Protein backbone atom coordinates (compact mmCIF):
# COMPACT_ATOMS: atom_id res chain seq x y z
CA UNK A 1 117.02 111.08 94.18
CA UNK A 2 114.70 111.42 91.34
CA UNK A 3 112.97 114.74 90.69
CA UNK A 4 110.71 116.00 87.88
CA UNK A 5 110.97 119.04 85.94
CA UNK A 6 109.56 120.63 82.75
CA UNK A 7 111.94 120.50 79.73
CA UNK A 8 111.22 124.17 79.34
CA UNK A 9 112.24 125.18 82.96
CA UNK A 10 115.55 126.90 83.47
CA UNK A 11 118.57 124.66 83.25
CA UNK A 12 120.72 124.43 86.33
CA UNK A 13 123.66 122.20 85.55
CA UNK A 14 124.93 122.05 89.21
CA UNK A 15 121.53 120.89 90.59
CA UNK A 16 119.68 119.06 87.67
CA UNK A 17 122.09 116.23 87.19
CA UNK A 18 121.16 113.96 84.07
CA UNK A 19 118.25 115.37 82.47
CA UNK A 20 116.09 112.63 80.89
CA UNK A 21 113.35 113.33 78.39
CA UNK A 22 110.62 110.84 79.00
CA UNK A 23 107.99 111.28 76.09
CA UNK A 24 107.15 109.41 73.08
CA UNK A 25 107.30 112.30 70.72
CA UNK A 26 110.30 114.72 71.02
CA UNK A 27 108.34 117.65 69.69
CA UNK A 28 109.32 120.01 67.01
CA UNK A 29 111.85 122.81 67.63
CA UNK A 30 112.82 121.29 71.00
CA UNK A 31 116.60 121.77 71.04
CA UNK A 32 118.65 118.87 72.11
CA UNK A 33 120.40 121.11 74.46
CA UNK A 34 117.40 121.09 76.75
CA UNK A 35 118.12 117.45 77.79
CA UNK A 36 120.84 114.93 78.15
CA UNK A 37 119.08 111.58 77.09
CA UNK A 38 115.62 111.01 75.33
CA UNK A 39 114.05 107.71 76.39
CA UNK A 40 110.69 107.31 74.92
CA UNK A 41 109.98 103.84 76.36
CA UNK A 42 109.64 105.55 79.93
CA UNK A 43 106.66 107.58 78.55
CA UNK A 44 103.11 106.55 78.66
CA UNK A 45 101.79 104.36 75.72
CA UNK A 46 100.58 105.95 72.47
CA UNK A 47 97.17 105.00 73.09
CA UNK A 48 97.04 106.91 76.44
CA UNK A 49 98.81 109.82 74.74
CA UNK A 50 96.14 109.95 72.11
CA UNK A 51 93.40 109.77 75.07
CA UNK A 52 95.07 112.84 76.73
CA UNK A 53 95.25 114.93 73.60
CA UNK A 54 91.70 114.09 72.63
CA UNK A 55 90.53 115.34 76.19
CA UNK A 56 89.12 111.86 77.23
CA UNK A 57 88.48 111.48 80.94
CA UNK A 58 89.74 110.00 83.19
CA UNK A 59 93.33 109.36 82.11
CA UNK A 60 95.09 109.74 85.41
CA UNK A 61 94.10 106.28 86.56
CA UNK A 62 95.22 104.71 83.39
CA UNK A 63 98.51 106.56 83.64
CA UNK A 64 99.32 105.34 87.20
CA UNK A 65 98.28 101.73 85.98
CA UNK A 66 100.84 101.85 83.20
CA UNK A 67 103.50 103.10 85.66
CA UNK A 68 103.20 99.81 87.59
């Protein structure tokens, strides 16, 4: 089973299983102890991330299209 959870949520090692960080940019000051594996290729494209950060709408449809 795959479940999603924020990297900032409390860590429960018994229930969480393998914690995969799926984002292009790891982020400053994010401790490596918050996740087990970083996989930037699972994240949305850089162009889509720029759209999200720039506040362009609608990005939800574009994101779903990239996941296919």
